Amino acid sequence: MNKKFYIAFLVSLILTPVYCVSQTYSEALGGYMVNQTVYKGDTIPYVELREIPVYPKLINKKQEKFYWKTVRDVKLVYPYVKIVAKEYAMINAKFDTITDKKQRMKYTKKYERQLLKKYEPTMREFTLSQGKMMIKLIDREMDKTGYALIKEIRGGFVAWWWQVFAKIVGADLKEDFNTSKREQDRIIERVITLYEAGIL
């Protein structure tokens, strides 16, 4: 084996956080016991290294400012987007058991009151940019705009009313998430990837 390659490999093992399959800590050895494998007759440690995404450098101050604002907003908003997706799945599962339209509406209103009581105090603290971020990330997570979700669950008139309100405050419930068309959405996707990888 090439000596330079061997040294580089050992250094990378030391410097890179190691995530081992079935690793156990040994007090006697003062370290972790890891799996092993046989490679060309040699028994060597078998470890899985965490995948780290690499992105090009941000090209200007404007992009950098947007990037760090996005990091802040994603950290705050993304967990709530996951909650929205979970609650939506639960409502849909319940709708499978309720066929009567009036009963569905009654259930939806009751469920909405429970959700508002639970999450509204926190969401009221969101800034306008964080609210806009949530709208975008809902579309990214569920492949449906906020407008489409409200229309599906509460009906067209309620969706229209919330869209009017959103427009008044400078947002848009019909805004989608599109990395192929928007530079900002590509930066948001980058931040989410790093956040999910535990790097941010």
N, C-alpha and C. Protein backbone atom coordinates (compact mmCIF):
# COMPACT_ATOMS: atom_id res chain seq x y z
N MET A 1 0.86 -1.19 0.00
CA MET A 1 0.00 0.00 0.00
C MET A 1 0.90 1.25 0.00
N ASN A 2 0.53 2.26 -0.79
CA ASN A 2 1.30 3.50 -0.85
C ASN A 2 1.39 4.14 0.53
N LYS A 3 2.62 4.51 0.96
CA LYS A 3 2.85 5.02 2.31
C LYS A 3 2.08 6.32 2.57
N LYS A 4 2.08 7.24 1.57
CA LYS A 4 1.37 8.52 1.72
C LYS A 4 -0.13 8.29 1.89
N PHE A 5 -0.66 7.36 1.10
CA PHE A 5 -2.08 7.05 1.20
C PHE A 5 -2.41 6.48 2.59
N TYR A 6 -1.57 5.59 3.07
CA TYR A 6 -1.77 4.96 4.38
C TYR A 6 -1.78 6.01 5.50
N ILE A 7 -0.83 6.94 5.46
CA ILE A 7 -0.75 8.01 6.47
C ILE A 7 -1.99 8.89 6.39
N ALA A 8 -2.40 9.28 5.16
CA ALA A 8 -3.59 10.13 4.97
C ALA A 8 -4.83 9.42 5.49
N PHE A 9 -4.90 8.10 5.26
CA PHE A 9 -6.04 7.32 5.73
C PHE A 9 -6.12 7.32 7.26
N LEU A 10 -4.97 7.11 7.91
CA LEU A 10 -4.94 7.09 9.37
C LEU A 10 -5.29 8.45 9.95
N VAL A 11 -4.77 9.53 9.35
CA VAL A 11 -5.08 10.89 9.81
C VAL A 11 -6.57 11.17 9.67
N SER A 12 -7.17 10.75 8.54
CA SER A 12 -8.61 10.99 8.33
C SER A 12 -9.44 10.24 9.37
N LEU A 13 -8.99 9.04 9.76
CA LEU A 13 -9.71 8.28 10.79
C LEU A 13 -9.64 8.99 12.14
N ILE A 14 -8.50 9.61 12.42
CA ILE A 14 -8.33 10.30 13.69
C ILE A 14 -9.13 11.60 13.73
N LEU A 15 -9.13 12.35 12.62
CA LEU A 15 -9.74 13.68 12.60
C LEU A 15 -11.24 13.67 12.31
N THR A 16 -11.73 12.63 11.68
CA THR A 16 -13.14 12.59 11.29
C THR A 16 -13.96 11.91 12.38
N PRO A 17 -15.14 12.52 12.76
CA PRO A 17 -16.01 11.83 13.72
C PRO A 17 -16.43 10.48 13.16
N VAL A 18 -16.28 9.43 13.96
CA VAL A 18 -16.56 8.08 13.49
C VAL A 18 -17.88 7.59 14.06
N TYR A 19 -18.74 7.10 13.19
CA TYR A 19 -20.01 6.53 13.61
C TYR A 19 -19.93 5.04 13.32
N CYS A 20 -19.78 4.24 14.33
CA CYS A 20 -19.53 2.82 14.15
C CYS A 20 -20.80 2.02 14.33
N VAL A 21 -20.88 0.96 13.55
CA VAL A 21 -22.00 0.06 13.67
C VAL A 21 -21.76 -0.84 14.88
N SER A 22 -22.71 -0.93 15.78
CA SER A 22 -22.63 -1.78 16.96
C SER A 22 -21.37 -1.50 17.79
N GLN A 23 -20.98 -0.26 17.92
CA GLN A 23 -19.81 0.04 18.73
C GLN A 23 -20.18 -0.01 20.21
N THR A 24 -19.23 -0.49 21.00
CA THR A 24 -19.43 -0.52 22.44
C THR A 24 -18.18 0.02 23.11
N TYR A 25 -18.39 0.73 24.19
CA TYR A 25 -17.26 1.31 24.92
C TYR A 25 -16.72 0.28 25.89
N SER A 26 -15.39 0.15 25.94
CA SER A 26 -14.74 -0.80 26.83
C SER A 26 -13.93 -0.03 27.86
N GLU A 27 -14.31 -0.19 29.14
CA GLU A 27 -13.57 0.45 30.23
C GLU A 27 -12.14 -0.10 30.30
N ALA A 28 -12.02 -1.42 30.13
CA ALA A 28 -10.72 -2.08 30.24
C ALA A 28 -9.74 -1.57 29.17
N LEU A 29 -10.26 -1.41 27.96
CA LEU A 29 -9.40 -0.95 26.86
C LEU A 29 -9.30 0.58 26.81
N GLY A 30 -10.24 1.25 27.47
CA GLY A 30 -10.25 2.71 27.45
C GLY A 30 -10.61 3.27 26.08
N GLY A 31 -11.48 2.58 25.39
CA GLY A 31 -11.89 3.04 24.06
C GLY A 31 -13.06 2.24 23.54
N TYR A 32 -13.37 2.42 22.26
CA TYR A 32 -14.50 1.74 21.65
C TYR A 32 -14.05 0.49 20.91
N MET A 33 -14.85 -0.55 21.02
CA MET A 33 -14.63 -1.75 20.22
C MET A 33 -15.50 -1.61 18.97
N VAL A 34 -14.90 -1.86 17.82
CA VAL A 34 -15.64 -1.69 16.56
C VAL A 34 -15.68 -3.00 15.79
N ASN A 35 -16.55 -3.04 14.80
CA ASN A 35 -16.62 -4.21 13.93
C ASN A 35 -15.33 -4.32 13.13
N GLN A 36 -15.12 -5.49 12.58
CA GLN A 36 -13.92 -5.69 11.76
C GLN A 36 -14.30 -6.44 10.50
N THR A 37 -13.39 -6.37 9.54
CA THR A 37 -13.60 -7.08 8.28
C THR A 37 -12.25 -7.58 7.79
N VAL A 38 -12.28 -8.54 6.91
CA VAL A 38 -11.03 -9.07 6.33
C VAL A 38 -10.91 -8.52 4.91
N TYR A 39 -9.77 -7.87 4.66
CA TYR A 39 -9.51 -7.29 3.34
C TYR A 39 -8.16 -7.79 2.85
N LYS A 40 -8.15 -8.56 1.77
CA LYS A 40 -6.94 -9.14 1.19
C LYS A 40 -6.09 -9.86 2.26
N GLY A 41 -6.78 -10.62 3.09
CA GLY A 41 -6.08 -11.40 4.09
C GLY A 41 -5.78 -10.68 5.40
N ASP A 42 -5.97 -9.37 5.44
CA ASP A 42 -5.74 -8.59 6.66
C ASP A 42 -7.05 -8.31 7.37
N THR A 43 -7.04 -8.41 8.70
CA THR A 43 -8.21 -8.03 9.49
C THR A 43 -8.07 -6.56 9.84
N ILE A 44 -9.05 -5.78 9.43
CA ILE A 44 -9.00 -4.33 9.66
C ILE A 44 -10.30 -3.85 10.30
N PRO A 45 -10.25 -2.70 11.01
CA PRO A 45 -11.50 -2.16 11.59
C PRO A 45 -12.48 -1.77 10.48
N TYR A 46 -13.74 -1.99 10.77
CA TYR A 46 -14.79 -1.60 9.83
C TYR A 46 -15.62 -0.49 10.49
N VAL A 47 -15.51 0.71 9.95
CA VAL A 47 -16.25 1.84 10.51
C VAL A 47 -16.99 2.56 9.40
N GLU A 48 -18.10 3.17 9.76
CA GLU A 48 -18.85 3.99 8.80
C GLU A 48 -18.62 5.45 9.14
N LEU A 49 -18.12 6.20 8.18
CA LEU A 49 -17.89 7.61 8.39
C LEU A 49 -19.13 8.39 7.96
N ARG A 50 -19.45 9.42 8.72
CA ARG A 50 -20.60 10.25 8.39
C ARG A 50 -20.38 10.96 7.06
N GLU A 51 -21.40 10.94 6.23
CA GLU A 51 -21.33 11.65 4.95
C GLU A 51 -21.45 13.15 5.21
N ILE A 52 -20.53 13.91 4.66
CA ILE A 52 -20.55 15.37 4.85
C ILE A 52 -20.71 16.03 3.48
N PRO A 53 -21.84 16.70 3.26
CA PRO A 53 -22.04 17.37 1.96
C PRO A 53 -21.07 18.54 1.82
N VAL A 54 -20.60 18.76 0.59
CA VAL A 54 -19.68 19.86 0.31
C VAL A 54 -20.34 20.77 -0.74
N TYR A 55 -20.33 22.07 -0.46
CA TYR A 55 -20.94 23.04 -1.36
C TYR A 55 -19.91 24.09 -1.79
N PRO A 56 -20.14 24.72 -2.94
CA PRO A 56 -19.23 25.80 -3.34
C PRO A 56 -19.35 27.00 -2.40
N LYS A 57 -18.31 27.80 -2.37
CA LYS A 57 -18.29 28.98 -1.52
C LYS A 57 -19.36 29.98 -1.98
N LEU A 58 -19.98 30.66 -1.03
CA LEU A 58 -20.95 31.70 -1.38
C LEU A 58 -20.19 32.84 -2.05
N ILE A 59 -20.78 33.38 -3.12
CA ILE A 59 -20.01 34.28 -3.98
C ILE A 59 -20.01 35.75 -3.57
N ASN A 60 -20.98 36.17 -2.77
CA ASN A 60 -20.99 37.59 -2.38
C ASN A 60 -21.61 37.78 -1.00
N LYS A 61 -21.49 39.00 -0.50
CA LYS A 61 -21.98 39.33 0.85
C LYS A 61 -23.49 39.16 0.96
N LYS A 62 -24.21 39.48 -0.11
CA LYS A 62 -25.67 39.36 -0.11
C LYS A 62 -26.08 37.90 0.10
N GLN A 63 -25.42 36.99 -0.63
CA GLN A 63 -25.71 35.56 -0.48
C GLN A 63 -25.36 35.09 0.93
N GLU A 64 -24.23 35.56 1.45
CA GLU A 64 -23.78 35.15 2.78
C GLU A 64 -24.76 35.62 3.85
N LYS A 65 -25.24 36.85 3.71
CA LYS A 65 -26.21 37.39 4.67
C LYS A 65 -27.50 36.57 4.64
N PHE A 66 -27.97 36.26 3.42
CA PHE A 66 -29.18 35.45 3.28
C PHE A 66 -28.96 34.06 3.86
N TYR A 67 -27.77 33.49 3.64
CA TYR A 67 -27.45 32.15 4.13
C TYR A 67 -27.58 32.09 5.65
N TRP A 68 -26.96 33.03 6.37
CA TRP A 68 -26.98 32.97 7.83
C TRP A 68 -28.35 33.30 8.40
N LYS A 69 -29.11 34.15 7.71
CA LYS A 69 -30.49 34.41 8.11
C LYS A 69 -31.33 33.14 7.92
N THR A 70 -31.06 32.41 6.84
CA THR A 70 -31.76 31.16 6.55
C THR A 70 -31.42 30.09 7.59
N VAL A 71 -30.15 30.03 8.00
CA VAL A 71 -29.74 29.07 9.04
C VAL A 71 -30.57 29.32 10.30
N ARG A 72 -30.67 30.58 10.70
CA ARG A 72 -31.45 30.93 11.90
C ARG A 72 -32.92 30.52 11.74
N ASP A 73 -33.51 30.88 10.59
CA ASP A 73 -34.93 30.62 10.37
C ASP A 73 -35.24 29.13 10.24
N VAL A 74 -34.38 28.39 9.54
CA VAL A 74 -34.61 26.95 9.36
C VAL A 74 -34.55 26.23 10.70
N LYS A 75 -33.57 26.57 11.54
CA LYS A 75 -33.45 25.93 12.85
C LYS A 75 -34.71 26.12 13.69
N LEU A 76 -35.33 27.28 13.55
CA LEU A 76 -36.53 27.57 14.33
C LEU A 76 -37.78 26.96 13.72
N VAL A 77 -37.91 27.06 12.39
CA VAL A 77 -39.16 26.72 11.70
C VAL A 77 -39.26 25.24 11.30
N TYR A 78 -38.16 24.65 10.89
CA TYR A 78 -38.20 23.29 10.32
C TYR A 78 -38.86 22.25 11.23
N PRO A 79 -38.58 22.26 12.54
CA PRO A 79 -39.27 21.28 13.40
C PRO A 79 -40.80 21.42 13.35
N TYR A 80 -41.30 22.64 13.19
CA TYR A 80 -42.76 22.86 13.10
C TYR A 80 -43.32 22.39 11.77
N VAL A 81 -42.51 22.47 10.72
CA VAL A 81 -42.92 21.96 9.41
C VAL A 81 -43.12 20.44 9.51
N LYS A 82 -42.23 19.78 10.23
CA LYS A 82 -42.36 18.33 10.44
C LYS A 82 -43.64 18.02 11.23
N ILE A 83 -43.97 18.88 12.18
CA ILE A 83 -45.20 18.71 12.97
C ILE A 83 -46.42 18.86 12.06
N VAL A 84 -46.39 19.86 11.17
CA VAL A 84 -47.51 20.07 10.23
C VAL A 84 -47.71 18.81 9.38
N ALA A 85 -46.62 18.25 8.87
CA ALA A 85 -46.71 17.04 8.04
C ALA A 85 -47.31 15.87 8.83
N LYS A 86 -46.89 15.75 10.09
CA LYS A 86 -47.40 14.67 10.95
C LYS A 86 -48.89 14.86 11.24
N GLU A 87 -49.28 16.10 11.57
CA GLU A 87 -50.69 16.39 11.88
C GLU A 87 -51.57 16.19 10.64
N TYR A 88 -51.05 16.57 9.48
CA TYR A 88 -51.79 16.39 8.22
C TYR A 88 -52.04 14.91 7.97
N ALA A 89 -51.03 14.08 8.21
CA ALA A 89 -51.18 12.63 8.03
C ALA A 89 -52.23 12.08 8.99
N MET A 90 -52.25 12.60 10.22
CA MET A 90 -53.23 12.13 11.21
C MET A 90 -54.65 12.54 10.82
N ILE A 91 -54.80 13.76 10.32
CA ILE A 91 -56.13 14.23 9.88
C ILE A 91 -56.62 13.37 8.71
N ASN A 92 -55.73 13.11 7.76
CA ASN A 92 -56.12 12.28 6.61
C ASN A 92 -56.52 10.88 7.04
N ALA A 93 -55.79 10.33 8.00
CA ALA A 93 -56.12 8.98 8.50
C ALA A 93 -57.50 8.99 9.16
N LYS A 94 -57.81 10.06 9.90
CA LYS A 94 -59.12 10.19 10.55
C LYS A 94 -60.23 10.38 9.51
N PHE A 95 -59.92 11.14 8.45
CA PHE A 95 -60.91 11.37 7.40
C PHE A 95 -61.31 10.07 6.70
N ASP A 96 -60.40 9.11 6.69
CA ASP A 96 -60.73 7.81 6.08
C ASP A 96 -61.85 7.10 6.84
N THR A 97 -62.02 7.47 8.13
CA THR A 97 -63.06 6.83 8.94
C THR A 97 -64.33 7.68 9.04
N ILE A 98 -64.26 8.95 8.59
CA ILE A 98 -65.44 9.84 8.66
C ILE A 98 -65.88 10.16 7.23
N THR A 99 -67.02 9.65 6.84
CA THR A 99 -67.51 9.88 5.48
C THR A 99 -68.47 11.06 5.40
N ASP A 100 -69.18 11.35 6.49
CA ASP A 100 -70.15 12.45 6.51
C ASP A 100 -69.43 13.80 6.48
N LYS A 101 -69.83 14.67 5.56
CA LYS A 101 -69.16 15.96 5.37
C LYS A 101 -69.30 16.86 6.60
N LYS A 102 -70.46 16.88 7.22
CA LYS A 102 -70.68 17.71 8.41
C LYS A 102 -69.84 17.23 9.59
N GLN A 103 -69.76 15.92 9.74
CA GLN A 103 -68.94 15.33 10.81
C GLN A 103 -67.45 15.66 10.61
N ARG A 104 -67.05 15.63 9.34
CA ARG A 104 -65.65 15.99 9.02
C ARG A 104 -65.36 17.43 9.42
N MET A 105 -66.29 18.32 9.08
CA MET A 105 -66.12 19.74 9.38
C MET A 105 -66.07 19.96 10.90
N LYS A 106 -66.94 19.27 11.61
CA LYS A 106 -66.99 19.37 13.07
C LYS A 106 -65.66 18.90 13.67
N TYR A 107 -65.19 17.75 13.17
CA TYR A 107 -63.92 17.19 13.65
C TYR A 107 -62.75 18.15 13.34
N THR A 108 -62.73 18.71 12.13
CA THR A 108 -61.66 19.61 11.71
C THR A 108 -61.60 20.85 12.59
N LYS A 109 -62.75 21.44 12.88
CA LYS A 109 -62.78 22.64 13.72
C LYS A 109 -62.28 22.34 15.14
N LYS A 110 -62.70 21.20 15.67
CA LYS A 110 -62.26 20.81 17.02
C LYS A 110 -60.75 20.57 17.03
N TYR A 111 -60.27 19.88 16.02
CA TYR A 111 -58.84 19.57 15.92
C TYR A 111 -58.02 20.86 15.75
N GLU A 112 -58.56 21.79 14.96
CA GLU A 112 -57.89 23.07 14.74
C GLU A 112 -57.75 23.84 16.06
N ARG A 113 -58.81 23.84 16.87
CA ARG A 113 -58.77 24.53 18.17
C ARG A 113 -57.68 23.93 19.07
N GLN A 114 -57.58 22.61 19.06
CA GLN A 114 -56.55 21.93 19.86
C GLN A 114 -55.14 22.31 19.39
N LEU A 115 -54.95 22.34 18.08
CA LEU A 115 -53.64 22.69 17.52
C LEU A 115 -53.27 24.14 17.83
N LEU A 116 -54.26 25.04 17.70
CA LEU A 116 -54.00 26.45 17.99
C LEU A 116 -53.60 26.64 19.45
N LYS A 117 -54.32 25.95 20.32
CA LYS A 117 -54.01 26.06 21.75
C LYS A 117 -52.58 25.58 22.04
N LYS A 118 -52.17 24.54 21.33
CA LYS A 118 -50.87 23.93 21.58
C LYS A 118 -49.71 24.72 20.94
N TYR A 119 -49.90 25.19 19.69
CA TYR A 119 -48.78 25.76 18.94
C TYR A 119 -48.84 27.27 18.69
N GLU A 120 -50.02 27.87 18.80
CA GLU A 120 -50.14 29.29 18.46
C GLU A 120 -49.22 30.20 19.27
N PRO A 121 -49.09 30.01 20.60
CA PRO A 121 -48.21 30.92 21.35
C PRO A 121 -46.79 30.99 20.79
N THR A 122 -46.23 29.84 20.40
CA THR A 122 -44.88 29.81 19.84
C THR A 122 -44.86 30.44 18.45
N MET A 123 -45.83 30.09 17.62
CA MET A 123 -45.83 30.58 16.24
C MET A 123 -46.10 32.09 16.15
N ARG A 124 -46.76 32.63 17.14
CA ARG A 124 -46.98 34.08 17.16
C ARG A 124 -45.66 34.83 17.30
N GLU A 125 -44.64 34.16 17.82
CA GLU A 125 -43.33 34.77 17.98
C GLU A 125 -42.53 34.79 16.67
N PHE A 126 -42.99 34.06 15.65
CA PHE A 126 -42.29 34.03 14.37
C PHE A 126 -42.30 35.41 13.73
N THR A 127 -41.19 35.76 13.10
CA THR A 127 -41.14 37.01 12.32
C THR A 127 -41.81 36.74 10.97
N LEU A 128 -41.99 37.80 10.18
CA LEU A 128 -42.59 37.64 8.85
C LEU A 128 -41.72 36.73 7.98
N SER A 129 -40.40 36.92 8.05
CA SER A 129 -39.50 36.09 7.22
C SER A 129 -39.58 34.62 7.65
N GLN A 130 -39.77 34.36 8.93
CA GLN A 130 -39.90 32.98 9.40
C GLN A 130 -41.24 32.37 8.98
N GLY A 131 -42.28 33.20 8.96
CA GLY A 131 -43.58 32.74 8.45
C GLY A 131 -43.49 32.39 6.97
N LYS A 132 -42.80 33.23 6.20
CA LYS A 132 -42.61 32.95 4.77
C LYS A 132 -41.80 31.68 4.57
N MET A 133 -40.80 31.51 5.42
CA MET A 133 -39.97 30.30 5.35
C MET A 133 -40.82 29.07 5.60
N MET A 134 -41.72 29.16 6.57
CA MET A 134 -42.59 28.02 6.88
C MET A 134 -43.48 27.67 5.69
N ILE A 135 -44.01 28.68 5.02
CA ILE A 135 -44.85 28.45 3.83
C ILE A 135 -44.06 27.69 2.77
N LYS A 136 -42.81 28.13 2.53
CA LYS A 136 -41.96 27.47 1.53
C LYS A 136 -41.64 26.03 1.93
N LEU A 137 -41.30 25.84 3.21
CA LEU A 137 -40.87 24.52 3.65
C LEU A 137 -42.02 23.53 3.72
N ILE A 138 -43.24 24.04 3.94
CA ILE A 138 -44.41 23.16 3.89
C ILE A 138 -44.57 22.60 2.48
N ASP A 139 -44.39 23.47 1.47
CA ASP A 139 -44.47 22.99 0.09
C ASP A 139 -43.36 21.99 -0.21
N ARG A 140 -42.16 22.27 0.32
CA ARG A 140 -41.03 21.36 0.11
C ARG A 140 -41.30 20.00 0.75
N GLU A 141 -41.82 20.00 1.96
CA GLU A 141 -42.03 18.78 2.74
C GLU A 141 -43.19 17.95 2.19
N MET A 142 -44.26 18.63 1.77
CA MET A 142 -45.50 17.92 1.44
C MET A 142 -45.89 17.98 -0.03
N ASP A 143 -45.11 18.74 -0.80
CA ASP A 143 -45.39 18.92 -2.23
C ASP A 143 -46.79 19.50 -2.45
N LYS A 144 -47.19 20.37 -1.50
CA LYS A 144 -48.46 21.09 -1.60
C LYS A 144 -48.26 22.45 -0.97
N THR A 145 -48.78 23.48 -1.60
CA THR A 145 -48.66 24.81 -1.01
C THR A 145 -49.56 24.91 0.23
N GLY A 146 -49.28 25.90 1.06
CA GLY A 146 -50.12 26.14 2.22
C GLY A 146 -51.56 26.39 1.81
N TYR A 147 -51.73 27.11 0.70
CA TYR A 147 -53.08 27.40 0.19
C TYR A 147 -53.81 26.10 -0.16
N ALA A 148 -53.12 25.19 -0.85
CA ALA A 148 -53.74 23.92 -1.26
C ALA A 148 -54.13 23.07 -0.04
N LEU A 149 -53.29 23.10 1.00
CA LEU A 149 -53.60 22.33 2.22
C LEU A 149 -54.84 22.87 2.92
N ILE A 150 -54.90 24.19 3.07
CA ILE A 150 -56.06 24.80 3.74
C ILE A 150 -57.33 24.53 2.93
N LYS A 151 -57.22 24.67 1.61
CA LYS A 151 -58.38 24.42 0.74
C LYS A 151 -58.86 22.98 0.87
N GLU A 152 -57.92 22.05 0.93
CA GLU A 152 -58.27 20.63 1.03
C GLU A 152 -58.97 20.31 2.35
N ILE A 153 -58.48 20.91 3.44
CA ILE A 153 -59.02 20.58 4.77
C ILE A 153 -60.20 21.46 5.17
N ARG A 154 -60.08 22.78 4.92
CA ARG A 154 -61.10 23.71 5.40
C ARG A 154 -62.01 24.27 4.31
N GLY A 155 -61.66 24.05 3.05
CA GLY A 155 -62.51 24.53 1.97
C GLY A 155 -61.94 25.77 1.27
N GLY A 156 -62.50 26.06 0.11
CA GLY A 156 -62.02 27.14 -0.75
C GLY A 156 -62.14 28.53 -0.14
N PHE A 157 -63.27 28.81 0.53
CA PHE A 157 -63.48 30.15 1.08
C PHE A 157 -62.46 30.46 2.18
N VAL A 158 -62.23 29.50 3.08
CA VAL A 158 -61.27 29.70 4.17
C VAL A 158 -59.87 29.89 3.60
N ALA A 159 -59.52 29.10 2.58
CA ALA A 159 -58.21 29.23 1.93
C ALA A 159 -58.06 30.61 1.30
N TRP A 160 -59.13 31.06 0.63
CA TRP A 160 -59.11 32.40 0.00
C TRP A 160 -58.91 33.47 1.08
N TRP A 161 -59.64 33.35 2.19
CA TRP A 161 -59.54 34.35 3.27
C TRP A 161 -58.13 34.43 3.83
N TRP A 162 -57.51 33.27 4.09
CA TRP A 162 -56.15 33.26 4.62
C TRP A 162 -55.14 33.77 3.59
N GLN A 163 -55.43 33.53 2.32
CA GLN A 163 -54.54 34.06 1.27
C GLN A 163 -54.61 35.58 1.22
N VAL A 164 -55.80 36.15 1.37
CA VAL A 164 -55.97 37.61 1.41
C VAL A 164 -55.18 38.17 2.59
N PHE A 165 -55.34 37.55 3.75
CA PHE A 165 -54.63 38.00 4.94
C PHE A 165 -53.11 37.92 4.74
N ALA A 166 -52.65 36.81 4.16
CA ALA A 166 -51.22 36.63 3.91
C ALA A 166 -50.68 37.72 2.99
N LYS A 167 -51.45 38.03 1.95
CA LYS A 167 -51.04 39.07 1.00
C LYS A 167 -50.94 40.43 1.69
N ILE A 168 -51.86 40.72 2.60
CA ILE A 168 -51.86 42.01 3.31
C ILE A 168 -50.57 42.17 4.11
N VAL A 169 -50.10 41.09 4.74
CA VAL A 169 -48.89 41.19 5.56
C VAL A 169 -47.60 40.95 4.75
N GLY A 170 -47.75 40.67 3.46
CA GLY A 170 -46.57 40.54 2.60
C GLY A 170 -46.10 39.11 2.35
N ALA A 171 -46.99 38.14 2.54
CA ALA A 171 -46.65 36.74 2.28
C ALA A 171 -47.54 36.20 1.16
N ASP A 172 -47.36 34.95 0.80
CA ASP A 172 -48.17 34.33 -0.24
C ASP A 172 -48.29 32.83 0.02
N LEU A 173 -49.49 32.38 0.38
CA LEU A 173 -49.71 30.97 0.69
C LEU A 173 -49.57 30.06 -0.54
N LYS A 174 -49.58 30.67 -1.73
CA LYS A 174 -49.45 29.89 -2.95
C LYS A 174 -48.00 29.75 -3.40
N GLU A 175 -47.08 30.33 -2.64
CA GLU A 175 -45.66 30.27 -3.03
C GLU A 175 -45.13 28.85 -2.88
N ASP A 176 -44.45 28.39 -3.93
CA ASP A 176 -43.92 27.04 -3.91
C ASP A 176 -42.42 27.06 -3.62
N PHE A 177 -41.85 25.88 -3.51
CA PHE A 177 -40.41 25.72 -3.27
C PHE A 177 -39.82 25.13 -4.54
N ASN A 178 -38.91 25.87 -5.19
CA ASN A 178 -38.42 25.43 -6.49
C ASN A 178 -36.93 25.73 -6.63
N THR A 179 -36.10 24.72 -6.43
CA THR A 179 -34.65 24.91 -6.50
C THR A 179 -34.14 25.09 -7.92
N SER A 180 -34.91 24.66 -8.91
CA SER A 180 -34.46 24.80 -10.30
C SER A 180 -34.67 26.23 -10.81
N LYS A 181 -35.56 26.98 -10.18
CA LYS A 181 -35.86 28.34 -10.64
C LYS A 181 -35.28 29.43 -9.76
N ARG A 182 -35.10 29.15 -8.45
CA ARG A 182 -34.72 30.22 -7.52
C ARG A 182 -33.42 29.94 -6.80
N GLU A 183 -32.52 30.90 -6.88
CA GLU A 183 -31.23 30.83 -6.17
C GLU A 183 -31.46 30.71 -4.66
N GLN A 184 -32.40 31.50 -4.13
CA GLN A 184 -32.67 31.48 -2.68
C GLN A 184 -33.15 30.11 -2.22
N ASP A 185 -33.97 29.46 -3.03
CA ASP A 185 -34.45 28.12 -2.67
C ASP A 185 -33.32 27.11 -2.67
N ARG A 186 -32.33 27.30 -3.55
CA ARG A 186 -31.16 26.42 -3.56
C ARG A 186 -30.36 26.59 -2.27
N ILE A 187 -30.25 27.82 -1.80
CA ILE A 187 -29.54 28.08 -0.54
C ILE A 187 -30.31 27.48 0.63
N ILE A 188 -31.65 27.60 0.61
CA ILE A 188 -32.48 27.00 1.66
C ILE A 188 -32.29 25.48 1.68
N GLU A 189 -32.28 24.86 0.51
CA GLU A 189 -32.08 23.41 0.41
C GLU A 189 -30.72 23.02 0.99
N ARG A 190 -29.73 23.81 0.68
CA ARG A 190 -28.37 23.58 1.21
C ARG A 190 -28.37 23.61 2.74
N VAL A 191 -29.03 24.61 3.31
CA VAL A 191 -29.10 24.75 4.76
C VAL A 191 -29.82 23.56 5.40
N ILE A 192 -30.94 23.15 4.79
CA ILE A 192 -31.71 22.02 5.33
C ILE A 192 -30.88 20.73 5.29
N THR A 193 -30.16 20.52 4.19
CA THR A 193 -29.32 19.32 4.06
C THR A 193 -28.27 19.29 5.18
N LEU A 194 -27.63 20.44 5.43
CA LEU A 194 -26.61 20.51 6.48
C LEU A 194 -27.24 20.36 7.86
N TYR A 195 -28.43 20.94 8.03
CA TYR A 195 -29.15 20.85 9.31
C TYR A 195 -29.53 19.40 9.62
N GLU A 196 -30.06 18.72 8.61
CA GLU A 196 -30.47 17.31 8.79
C GLU A 196 -29.27 16.40 9.03
N ALA A 197 -28.11 16.79 8.48
CA ALA A 197 -26.89 16.00 8.68
C ALA A 197 -26.26 16.25 10.04
N GLY A 198 -26.82 17.22 10.80
CA GLY A 198 -26.31 17.54 12.12
C GLY A 198 -25.08 18.40 12.10
N ILE A 199 -24.83 19.08 10.98
CA ILE A 199 -23.64 19.92 10.86
C ILE A 199 -23.92 21.35 11.33
N LEU A 200 -25.17 21.78 11.21
CA LEU A 200 -25.53 23.14 11.66
C LEU A 200 -26.21 23.07 13.03
